[in-house]
Amino acid sequence: MAVHRHAPSVPTGRGQLVIALFLTLAMMVIEVIIGLMSGSLALVADGGHMLADASALSFSLFAAWIASRPASSEKTYGYYRSEILAALANGLMLWVMVVWIVVRAVQRLRHATAVEPGLVLIVAIAGLLVNLLNGWVLFQGAKTNLNVRGAWLNVMSDAVGSVGVIIAALVIRRNGWMAADPIASLVIACLIAASSWTLIKQSIHVLLEGAPQHLRTEDVAAALQRVPGVCEVHDLHLWTITTGLDAMSGHVIIENLGQSPAVLEQLTVVLRERFGITHTTLQLEPRK
């Protein structure tokens, strides 16, 4: 006897994404224009990172909209996975940005370019404040949604980048050392690469149907086997449909099929209350 339990809808964080996208686009335009005017590669790199942020937020917003569409006979799980695909795309876009920043920074180290530190400093501080505001807006959604977490990581790595630009501007203003600008750009690139690598790994893990990282298959099987009336649990599979929506399927051998309703109810309670799994498919089989 196969029994299915379906999970409730998962929040997508669209409202937070819209606010963050608007603020990011506005600051991106300012940073790129001022960066070009002042000759600061670090500020242009930070503006380029904000462009990646804006693209990431747009991807995330589109994915959140797609994910809210209902399931169909062809897409039986709905479109939840579009959020994971968007998170992966965000991570890969950041790595493209890293390569661009590194190439330009190396060129600047070989051929120093004059930078106007005063203007750079003002804009970098404004960029930092905008990134911190965006991070605060996205923080709650980032806890429960990998798609929003990808956008949050982009924003916060950009905030760290803004700090690097501020430090570079202060060094140039005080000592006139122009190499501080491309060096800050390289530091920004390293931070972006580190933060995006985790996002890429998590996204790929979900797409490969890996078990949720906070659950162990052995623990789930052992808990189910301790339910009265259960003889054996096998063919147990755990995977993530999208962040916050874990699923499980498995075969459960029980003493007496006549006790199926009671055993099934206890199994469901264990999965829901101990492991937070509400989307389940359990195949109940008689003991031979």
C-alpha atoms as a PDB file:
ATOM      1  CA  MET A   1       0.000   0.000   0.000  1.00  0.00           C
ATOM      2  CA  ALA A   2       1.529   3.306  -1.111  1.00  0.00           C
ATOM      3  CA  VAL A   3       0.575   6.445   0.767  1.00  0.00           C
ATOM      4  CA  HIS A   4       1.570   9.999  -0.156  1.00  0.00           C
ATOM      5  CA  ARG A   5       1.848  13.073   2.023  1.00  0.00           C
ATOM      6  CA  HIS A   6       2.151  16.437   0.282  1.00  0.00           C
ATOM      7  CA  ALA A   7       3.952  19.448   1.674  1.00  0.00           C
ATOM      8  CA  PRO A   8       2.633  22.990   1.973  1.00  0.00           C
ATOM      9  CA  SER A   9       3.818  25.786  -0.278  1.00  0.00           C
ATOM     10  CA  VAL A  10       7.271  27.245   0.328  1.00  0.00           C
ATOM     11  CA  PRO A  11       7.811  31.017   0.749  1.00  0.00           C
ATOM     12  CA  THR A  12       9.760  32.562  -2.121  1.00  0.00           C
ATOM     13  CA  GLY A  13      10.736  35.974  -0.711  1.00  0.00           C
ATOM     14  CA  ARG A  14       9.646  37.960  -3.773  1.00  0.00           C
ATOM     15  CA  GLY A  15       8.925  41.180  -1.859  1.00  0.00           C
ATOM     16  CA  GLN A  16      12.430  41.332  -0.382  1.00  0.00           C
ATOM     17  CA  LEU A  17      13.978  40.586  -3.769  1.00  0.00           C
ATOM     18  CA  VAL A  18      12.119  43.479  -5.440  1.00  0.00           C
ATOM     19  CA  ILE A  19      13.324  45.990  -2.831  1.00  0.00           C
ATOM     20  CA  ALA A  20      16.916  44.725  -3.025  1.00  0.00           C
ATOM     21  CA  LEU A  21      16.883  44.826  -6.836  1.00  0.00           C
ATOM     22  CA  PHE A  22      15.732  48.463  -6.934  1.00  0.00           C
ATOM     23  CA  LEU A  23      18.399  49.611  -4.460  1.00  0.00           C
ATOM     24  CA  THR A  24      21.134  47.607  -6.202  1.00  0.00           C
ATOM     25  CA  LEU A  25      20.376  48.987  -9.669  1.00  0.00           C
ATOM     26  CA  ALA A  26      20.444  52.569  -8.409  1.00  0.00           C
ATOM     27  CA  MET A  27      23.779  52.126  -6.617  1.00  0.00           C
ATOM     28  CA  MET A  28      25.299  50.165  -9.504  1.00  0.00           C
ATOM     29  CA  VAL A  29      24.778  53.043 -11.941  1.00  0.00           C
ATOM     30  CA  ILE A  30      26.360  55.521  -9.525  1.00  0.00           C
ATOM     31  CA  GLU A  31      29.412  53.324  -8.804  1.00  0.00           C
ATOM     32  CA  VAL A  32      30.181  52.584 -12.449  1.00  0.00           C
ATOM     33  CA  ILE A  33      29.863  56.233 -13.515  1.00  0.00           C
ATOM     34  CA  ILE A  34      31.953  57.581 -10.632  1.00  0.00           C
ATOM     35  CA  GLY A  35      34.465  54.734 -10.996  1.00  0.00           C
ATOM     36  CA  LEU A  36      35.064  55.635 -14.635  1.00  0.00           C
ATOM     37  CA  MET A  37      35.265  59.346 -13.839  1.00  0.00           C
ATOM     38  CA  SER A  38      37.737  58.843 -10.984  1.00  0.00           C
ATOM     39  CA  GLY A  39      39.817  56.109 -12.635  1.00  0.00           C
ATOM     40  CA  SER A  40      39.213  53.606  -9.811  1.00  0.00           C
ATOM     41  CA  LEU A  41      39.221  49.959 -10.941  1.00  0.00           C
ATOM     42  CA  ALA A  42      38.177  48.874  -7.445  1.00  0.00           C
ATOM     43  CA  LEU A  43      35.069  51.051  -7.639  1.00  0.00           C
ATOM     44  CA  VAL A  44      34.290  49.867 -11.185  1.00  0.00           C
ATOM     45  CA  ALA A  45      34.816  46.268  -9.988  1.00  0.00           C
ATOM     46  CA  ASP A  46      32.463  46.915  -7.096  1.00  0.00           C
ATOM     47  CA  GLY A  47      29.967  48.394  -9.553  1.00  0.00           C
ATOM     48  CA  GLY A  48      30.457  45.351 -11.774  1.00  0.00           C
ATOM     49  CA  HIS A  49      29.788  43.174  -8.775  1.00  0.00           C
ATOM     50  CA  MET A  50      26.608  45.138  -8.203  1.00  0.00           C
ATOM     51  CA  LEU A  51      25.692  44.452 -11.835  1.00  0.00           C
ATOM     52  CA  ALA A  52      26.143  40.760 -11.044  1.00  0.00           C
ATOM     53  CA  ASP A  53      24.017  41.336  -7.933  1.00  0.00           C
ATOM     54  CA  ALA A  54      21.296  42.965 -10.030  1.00  0.00           C
ATOM     55  CA  SER A  55      21.368  40.104 -12.526  1.00  0.00           C
ATOM     56  CA  ALA A  56      21.337  37.586  -9.675  1.00  0.00           C
ATOM     57  CA  LEU A  57      18.403  39.338  -8.041  1.00  0.00           C
ATOM     58  CA  SER A  58      16.567  39.411 -11.368  1.00  0.00           C
ATOM     59  CA  PHE A  59      17.205  35.687 -11.826  1.00  0.00           C
ATOM     60  CA  SER A  60      16.071  35.046  -8.271  1.00  0.00           C
ATOM     61  CA  LEU A  61      12.934  37.136  -8.700  1.00  0.00           C
ATOM     62  CA  PHE A  62      12.038  35.381 -11.950  1.00  0.00           C
ATOM     63  CA  ALA A  63      12.726  31.990 -10.363  1.00  0.00           C
ATOM     64  CA  ALA A  64      10.557  32.879  -7.356  1.00  0.00           C
ATOM     65  CA  TRP A  65       7.709  33.753  -9.724  1.00  0.00           C
ATOM     66  CA  ILE A  66       8.166  30.528 -11.703  1.00  0.00           C
ATOM     67  CA  ALA A  67       8.357  28.477  -8.501  1.00  0.00           C
ATOM     68  CA  SER A  68       4.952  29.803  -7.403  1.00  0.00           C
ATOM     69  CA  ARG A  69       3.258  28.261 -10.438  1.00  0.00           C
ATOM     70  CA  PRO A  70       1.132  25.195  -9.622  1.00  0.00           C
ATOM     71  CA  ALA A  71       2.118  21.644 -10.474  1.00  0.00           C
ATOM     72  CA  SER A  72       0.789  20.063 -13.646  1.00  0.00           C
ATOM     73  CA  SER A  73       0.509  16.586 -15.150  1.00  0.00           C
ATOM     74  CA  GLU A  74       3.886  17.164 -16.826  1.00  0.00           C
ATOM     75  CA  LYS A  75       5.606  19.016 -13.954  1.00  0.00           C
ATOM     76  CA  THR A  76       4.368  16.932 -11.048  1.00  0.00           C
ATOM     77  CA  TYR A  77       6.604  18.717  -8.533  1.00  0.00           C
ATOM     78  CA  GLY A  78       5.743  22.104  -9.962  1.00  0.00           C
ATOM     79  CA  TYR A  79       8.559  24.547 -10.719  1.00  0.00           C
ATOM     80  CA  TYR A  80      10.345  24.602  -7.376  1.00  0.00           C
ATOM     81  CA  ARG A  81      13.645  23.519  -8.924  1.00  0.00           C
ATOM     82  CA  SER A  82      13.821  26.744 -10.933  1.00  0.00           C
ATOM     83  CA  GLU A  83      14.956  28.421  -7.714  1.00  0.00           C
ATOM     84  CA  ILE A  84      17.863  25.994  -7.396  1.00  0.00           C
ATOM     85  CA  LEU A  85      18.817  26.574 -11.033  1.00  0.00           C
ATOM     86  CA  ALA A  86      18.783  30.329 -10.398  1.00  0.00           C
ATOM     87  CA  ALA A  87      21.018  29.882  -7.356  1.00  0.00           C
ATOM     88  CA  LEU A  88      23.490  27.873  -9.456  1.00  0.00           C
ATOM     89  CA  ALA A  89      23.410  30.508 -12.206  1.00  0.00           C
ATOM     90  CA  ASN A  90      24.102  33.209  -9.620  1.00  0.00           C
ATOM     91  CA  GLY A  91      27.167  31.357  -8.370  1.00  0.00           C
ATOM     92  CA  LEU A  92      28.537  30.789 -11.871  1.00  0.00           C
ATOM     93  CA  MET A  93      27.965  34.447 -12.802  1.00  0.00           C
ATOM     94  CA  LEU A  94      30.017  35.506  -9.811  1.00  0.00           C
ATOM     95  CA  TRP A  95      32.928  33.338 -10.966  1.00  0.00           C
ATOM     96  CA  VAL A  96      32.824  35.020 -14.379  1.00  0.00           C
ATOM     97  CA  MET A  97      33.030  38.350 -12.565  1.00  0.00           C
ATOM     98  CA  VAL A  98      35.990  37.084 -10.533  1.00  0.00           C
ATOM     99  CA  VAL A  99      37.954  36.266 -13.697  1.00  0.00           C
ATOM    100  CA  TRP A 100      37.269  39.727 -15.149  1.00  0.00           C
ATOM    101  CA  ILE A 101      38.347  41.513 -11.961  1.00  0.00           C
ATOM    102  CA  VAL A 102      41.574  39.487 -11.669  1.00  0.00           C
ATOM    103  CA  VAL A 103      42.567  40.154 -15.286  1.00  0.00           C
ATOM    104  CA  ARG A 104      41.952  43.889 -14.972  1.00  0.00           C
ATOM    105  CA  ALA A 105      43.710  44.091 -11.584  1.00  0.00           C
ATOM    106  CA  VAL A 106      46.846  42.398 -12.934  1.00  0.00           C
ATOM    107  CA  GLN A 107      46.898  44.870 -15.827  1.00  0.00           C
ATOM    108  CA  ARG A 108      46.619  47.767 -13.373  1.00  0.00           C
ATOM    109  CA  LEU A 109      49.469  46.407 -11.242  1.00  0.00           C
ATOM    110  CA  ARG A 110      51.712  46.417 -14.311  1.00  0.00           C
ATOM    111  CA  HIS A 111      50.617  49.851 -15.462  1.00  0.00           C
ATOM    112  CA  ALA A 112      49.567  52.135 -12.603  1.00  0.00           C
ATOM    113  CA  THR A 113      46.611  54.458 -13.215  1.00  0.00           C
ATOM    114  CA  ALA A 114      45.849  57.629 -11.287  1.00  0.00           C
ATOM    115  CA  VAL A 115      42.805  57.479  -9.001  1.00  0.00           C
ATOM    116  CA  GLU A 116      40.785  60.324  -7.418  1.00  0.00           C
ATOM    117  CA  PRO A 117      40.415  58.980  -3.845  1.00  0.00           C
ATOM    118  CA  GLY A 118      38.004  61.570  -2.426  1.00  0.00           C
ATOM    119  CA  LEU A 119      35.185  60.828  -4.849  1.00  0.00           C
ATOM    120  CA  VAL A 120      35.804  57.088  -4.640  1.00  0.00           C
ATOM    121  CA  LEU A 121      35.610  57.198  -0.837  1.00  0.00           C
ATOM    122  CA  ILE A 122      32.221  58.944  -0.776  1.00  0.00           C
ATOM    123  CA  VAL A 123      30.648  56.578  -3.304  1.00  0.00           C
ATOM    124  CA  ALA A 124      32.150  53.466  -1.662  1.00  0.00           C
ATOM    125  CA  ILE A 125      30.659  54.444   1.709  1.00  0.00           C
ATOM    126  CA  ALA A 126      27.266  54.953   0.062  1.00  0.00           C
ATOM    127  CA  GLY A 127      27.623  51.559  -1.642  1.00  0.00           C
ATOM    128  CA  LEU A 128      28.428  49.901   1.665  1.00  0.00           C
ATOM    129  CA  LEU A 129      25.320  51.365   3.275  1.00  0.00           C
ATOM    130  CA  VAL A 130      23.125  50.201   0.389  1.00  0.00           C
ATOM    131  CA  ASN A 131      24.582  46.692   0.552  1.00  0.00           C
ATOM    132  CA  LEU A 132      24.041  46.491   4.293  1.00  0.00           C
ATOM    133  CA  LEU A 133      20.439  47.630   3.819  1.00  0.00           C
ATOM    134  CA  ASN A 134      19.934  44.984   1.128  1.00  0.00           C
ATOM    135  CA  GLY A 135      21.489  42.350   3.367  1.00  0.00           C
ATOM    136  CA  TRP A 136      19.074  43.255   6.150  1.00  0.00           C
ATOM    137  CA  VAL A 137      16.105  43.097   3.749  1.00  0.00           C
ATOM    138  CA  LEU A 138      17.100  39.639   2.466  1.00  0.00           C
ATOM    139  CA  PHE A 139      18.332  38.141   5.742  1.00  0.00           C
ATOM    140  CA  GLN A 140      15.156  36.392   6.864  1.00  0.00           C
ATOM    141  CA  GLY A 141      14.446  34.930   3.431  1.00  0.00           C
ATOM    142  CA  ALA A 142      18.042  33.697   3.154  1.00  0.00           C
ATOM    143  CA  LYS A 143      17.494  31.446   6.165  1.00  0.00           C
ATOM    144  CA  THR A 144      14.814  29.365   4.449  1.00  0.00           C
ATOM    145  CA  ASN A 145      15.360  29.694   0.690  1.00  0.00           C
ATOM    146  CA  LEU A 146      18.501  28.777  -1.280  1.00  0.00           C
ATOM    147  CA  ASN A 147      17.491  31.108  -4.091  1.00  0.00           C
ATOM    148  CA  VAL A 148      17.269  34.111  -1.744  1.00  0.00           C
ATOM    149  CA  ARG A 149      20.424  32.920   0.029  1.00  0.00           C
ATOM    150  CA  GLY A 150      22.282  33.172  -3.267  1.00  0.00           C
ATOM    151  CA  ALA A 151      21.121  36.760  -3.684  1.00  0.00           C
ATOM    152  CA  TRP A 152      22.044  37.506  -0.051  1.00  0.00           C
ATOM    153  CA  LEU A 153      25.544  36.074  -0.527  1.00  0.00           C
ATOM    154  CA  ASN A 154      26.014  38.271  -3.584  1.00  0.00           C
ATOM    155  CA  VAL A 155      24.950  41.360  -1.656  1.00  0.00           C
ATOM    156  CA  MET A 156      27.077  40.644   1.415  1.00  0.00           C
ATOM    157  CA  SER A 157      30.197  39.817  -0.605  1.00  0.00           C
ATOM    158  CA  ASP A 158      29.627  43.126  -2.374  1.00  0.00           C
ATOM    159  CA  ALA A 159      29.442  44.826   1.033  1.00  0.00           C
ATOM    160  CA  VAL A 160      32.851  43.391   1.883  1.00  0.00           C
ATOM    161  CA  GLY A 161      34.038  44.620  -1.501  1.00  0.00           C
ATOM    162  CA  SER A 162      32.867  48.122  -0.632  1.00  0.00           C
ATOM    163  CA  VAL A 163      34.959  47.960   2.536  1.00  0.00           C
ATOM    164  CA  GLY A 164      37.965  47.058   0.377  1.00  0.00           C
ATOM    165  CA  VAL A 165      37.328  50.048  -1.872  1.00  0.00           C
ATOM    166  CA  ILE A 166      37.075  52.340   1.161  1.00  0.00           C
ATOM    167  CA  ILE A 167      40.411  51.088   2.514  1.00  0.00           C
ATOM    168  CA  ALA A 168      42.084  51.488  -0.879  1.00  0.00           C
ATOM    169  CA  ALA A 169      40.763  55.047  -1.221  1.00  0.00           C
ATOM    170  CA  LEU A 170      42.056  55.943   2.239  1.00  0.00           C
ATOM    171  CA  VAL A 171      45.513  54.492   1.459  1.00  0.00           C
ATOM    172  CA  ILE A 172      45.735  56.389  -1.840  1.00  0.00           C
ATOM    173  CA  ARG A 173      44.526  59.585  -0.186  1.00  0.00           C
ATOM    174  CA  ARG A 174      47.135  59.356   2.560  1.00  0.00           C
ATOM    175  CA  ASN A 175      50.158  57.809   0.801  1.00  0.00           C
ATOM    176  CA  GLY A 176      49.441  58.189  -2.905  1.00  0.00           C
ATOM    177  CA  TRP A 177      50.066  54.444  -3.402  1.00  0.00           C
ATOM    178  CA  MET A 178      48.014  53.699  -6.541  1.00  0.00           C
ATOM    179  CA  ALA A 179      48.639  49.943  -6.337  1.00  0.00           C
ATOM    180  CA  ALA A 180      46.184  49.840  -3.417  1.00  0.00           C
ATOM    181  CA  ASP A 181      43.307  50.086  -5.917  1.00  0.00           C
ATOM    182  CA  PRO A 182      44.048  46.900  -7.949  1.00  0.00           C
ATOM    183  CA  ILE A 183      45.125  45.065  -4.781  1.00  0.00           C
ATOM    184  CA  ALA A 184      41.733  45.841  -3.248  1.00  0.00           C
ATOM    185  CA  SER A 185      40.166  44.522  -6.439  1.00  0.00           C
ATOM    186  CA  LEU A 186      42.030  41.215  -6.054  1.00  0.00           C
ATOM    187  CA  VAL A 187      40.876  40.912  -2.433  1.00  0.00           C
ATOM    188  CA  ILE A 188      37.302  41.530  -3.585  1.00  0.00           C
ATOM    189  CA  ALA A 189      37.696  38.793  -6.222  1.00  0.00           C
ATOM    190  CA  CYS A 190      38.919  36.283  -3.634  1.00  0.00           C
ATOM    191  CA  LEU A 191      36.009  37.038  -1.306  1.00  0.00           C
ATOM    192  CA  ILE A 192      33.496  36.694  -4.140  1.00  0.00           C
ATOM    193  CA  ALA A 193      35.015  33.362  -5.216  1.00  0.00           C
ATOM    194  CA  ALA A 194      34.917  31.958  -1.679  1.00  0.00           C
ATOM    195  CA  SER A 195      31.312  32.932  -0.983  1.00  0.00           C
ATOM    196  CA  SER A 196      29.998  31.753  -4.348  1.00  0.00           C
ATOM    197  CA  TRP A 197      31.734  28.363  -4.194  1.00  0.00           C
ATOM    198  CA  THR A 198      29.543  27.255  -1.280  1.00  0.00           C
ATOM    199  CA  LEU A 199      26.434  28.316  -3.170  1.00  0.00           C
ATOM    200  CA  ILE A 200      27.516  26.379  -6.271  1.00  0.00           C
ATOM    201  CA  LYS A 201      28.203  23.225  -4.232  1.00  0.00           C
ATOM    202  CA  GLN A 202      24.850  23.398  -2.440  1.00  0.00           C
ATOM    203  CA  SER A 203      22.956  23.929  -5.692  1.00  0.00           C
ATOM    204  CA  ILE A 204      24.653  21.009  -7.431  1.00  0.00           C
ATOM    205  CA  HIS A 205      24.032  18.796  -4.408  1.00  0.00           C
ATOM    206  CA  VAL A 206      20.291  19.502  -4.607  1.00  0.00           C
ATOM    207  CA  LEU A 207      20.166  19.002  -8.378  1.00  0.00           C
ATOM    208  CA  LEU A 208      21.916  15.629  -7.989  1.00  0.00           C
ATOM    209  CA  GLU A 209      19.183  14.544  -5.540  1.00  0.00           C
ATOM    210  CA  GLY A 210      21.618  14.439  -2.632  1.00  0.00           C
ATOM    211  CA  ALA A 211      20.258  13.891   0.854  1.00  0.00           C
ATOM    212  CA  PRO A 212      19.553  17.119   2.777  1.00  0.00           C
ATOM    213  CA  GLN A 213      22.707  18.119   4.619  1.00  0.00           C
ATOM    214  CA  HIS A 214      20.922  18.404   7.955  1.00  0.00           C
ATOM    215  CA  LEU A 215      19.561  14.835   7.737  1.00  0.00           C
ATOM    216  CA  ARG A 216      21.241  11.435   7.866  1.00  0.00           C
ATOM    217  CA  THR A 217      19.527   8.538   6.086  1.00  0.00           C
ATOM    218  CA  GLU A 218      20.658   6.147   8.821  1.00  0.00           C
ATOM    219  CA  ASP A 219      19.039   8.263  11.555  1.00  0.00           C
ATOM    220  CA  VAL A 220      15.726   8.468   9.705  1.00  0.00           C
ATOM    221  CA  ALA A 221      15.661   4.711   9.038  1.00  0.00           C
ATOM    222  CA  ALA A 222      16.494   3.908  12.661  1.00  0.00           C
ATOM    223  CA  ALA A 223      13.733   6.213  13.960  1.00  0.00           C
ATOM    224  CA  LEU A 224      11.137   4.653  11.641  1.00  0.00           C
ATOM    225  CA  GLN A 225      12.171   1.142  12.615  1.00  0.00           C
ATOM    226  CA  ARG A 226      11.527   1.919  16.283  1.00  0.00           C
ATOM    227  CA  VAL A 227       7.823   2.556  15.564  1.00  0.00           C
ATOM    228  CA  PRO A 228       5.744  -0.307  17.057  1.00  0.00           C
ATOM    229  CA  GLY A 229       4.657  -2.785  14.403  1.00  0.00           C
ATOM    230  CA  VAL A 230       7.524  -1.989  12.034  1.00  0.00           C
ATOM    231  CA  CYS A 231       9.852  -4.898  11.203  1.00  0.00           C
ATOM    232  CA  GLU A 232      12.163  -3.385   8.643  1.00  0.00           C
ATOM    233  CA  VAL A 233      12.795  -0.221   6.615  1.00  0.00           C
ATOM    234  CA  HIS A 234      14.567  -0.400   3.248  1.00  0.00           C
ATOM    235  CA  ASP A 235      14.961   1.438  -0.073  1.00  0.00           C
ATOM    236  CA  LEU A 236      14.911   4.711   1.856  1.00  0.00           C
ATOM    237  CA  HIS A 237      15.598   7.853  -0.183  1.00  0.00           C
ATOM    238  CA  LEU A 238      15.925  11.460   1.004  1.00  0.00           C
ATOM    239  CA  TRP A 239      16.216  14.471  -1.273  1.00  0.00           C
ATOM    240  CA  THR A 240      15.444  18.183  -1.487  1.00  0.00           C
ATOM    241  CA  ILE A 241      12.876  19.537  -3.931  1.00  0.00           C
ATOM    242  CA  THR A 242      13.780  23.124  -3.071  1.00  0.00           C
ATOM    243  CA  THR A 243      15.150  24.783   0.040  1.00  0.00           C
ATOM    244  CA  GLY A 244      12.775  24.162   2.938  1.00  0.00           C
ATOM    245  CA  LEU A 245      10.975  21.312   1.162  1.00  0.00           C
ATOM    246  CA  ASP A 246      12.566  17.919   1.831  1.00  0.00           C
ATOM    247  CA  ALA A 247      11.064  14.686   0.529  1.00  0.00           C
ATOM    248  CA  MET A 248      11.353  11.024   1.424  1.00  0.00           C
ATOM    249  CA  SER A 249      10.312   7.690  -0.005  1.00  0.00           C
ATOM    250  CA  GLY A 250      10.792   4.234   1.401  1.00  0.00           C
ATOM    251  CA  HIS A 251       9.498   0.707   1.907  1.00  0.00           C
ATOM    252  CA  VAL A 252       8.315  -0.298   5.369  1.00  0.00           C
ATOM    253  CA  ILE A 253       7.686  -3.936   6.300  1.00  0.00           C
ATOM    254  CA  ILE A 254       5.093  -4.258   9.071  1.00  0.00           C
ATOM    255  CA  GLU A 255       3.811  -7.151  11.163  1.00  0.00           C
ATOM    256  CA  ASN A 256       0.176  -6.893  10.144  1.00  0.00           C
ATOM    257  CA  LEU A 257      -1.295  -4.941   7.221  1.00  0.00           C
ATOM    258  CA  GLY A 258      -4.476  -4.627   9.239  1.00  0.00           C
ATOM    259  CA  GLN A 259      -2.586  -2.163  11.468  1.00  0.00           C
ATOM    260  CA  SER A 260      -1.552  -0.039   8.483  1.00  0.00           C
ATOM    261  CA  PRO A 261      -3.543   3.131   9.361  1.00  0.00           C
ATOM    262  CA  ALA A 262      -2.166   3.271  12.914  1.00  0.00           C
ATOM    263  CA  VAL A 263       1.413   2.474  11.881  1.00  0.00           C
ATOM    264  CA  LEU A 264       1.260   4.971   9.041  1.00  0.00           C
ATOM    265  CA  GLU A 265       0.072   7.701  11.382  1.00  0.00           C
ATOM    266  CA  GLN A 266       2.938   7.070  13.786  1.00  0.00           C
ATOM    267  CA  LEU A 267       5.471   7.032  10.939  1.00  0.00           C
ATOM    268  CA  THR A 268       4.120  10.334   9.681  1.00  0.00           C
ATOM    269  CA  VAL A 269       4.343  11.905  13.131  1.00  0.00           C
ATOM    270  CA  VAL A 270       7.981  10.792  13.541  1.00  0.00           C
ATOM    271  CA  LEU A 271       8.982  12.175  10.147  1.00  0.00           C
ATOM    272  CA  ARG A 272       7.201  15.479  10.686  1.00  0.00           C
ATOM    273  CA  GLU A 273       8.062  16.216  14.306  1.00  0.00           C
ATOM    274  CA  ARG A 274      11.590  14.821  14.537  1.00  0.00           C
ATOM    275  CA  PHE A 275      12.944  15.468  11.039  1.00  0.00           C
ATOM    276  CA  GLY A 276      10.646  18.145   9.588  1.00  0.00           C
ATOM    277  CA  ILE A 277       9.742  15.964   6.572  1.00  0.00           C
ATOM    278  CA  THR A 278       6.152  16.403   5.412  1.00  0.00           C
ATOM    279  CA  HIS A 279       6.389  15.244   1.789  1.00  0.00           C
ATOM    280  CA  THR A 280       6.578  11.445   1.991  1.00  0.00           C
ATOM    281  CA  THR A 281       5.802   8.326   0.006  1.00  0.00           C
ATOM    282  CA  LEU A 282       5.699   5.172   2.142  1.00  0.00           C
ATOM    283  CA  GLN A 283       5.204   1.686   0.678  1.00  0.00           C
ATOM    284  CA  LEU A 284       3.790  -0.543   3.423  1.00  0.00           C
ATOM    285  CA  GLU A 285       4.501  -4.265   2.900  1.00  0.00           C
ATOM    286  CA  PRO A 286       3.513  -7.398   4.850  1.00  0.00           C
ATOM    287  CA  ARG A 287       6.104  -9.460   6.685  1.00  0.00           C
ATOM    288  CA  LYS A 288       6.866 -12.684   4.813  1.00  0.00           C
END
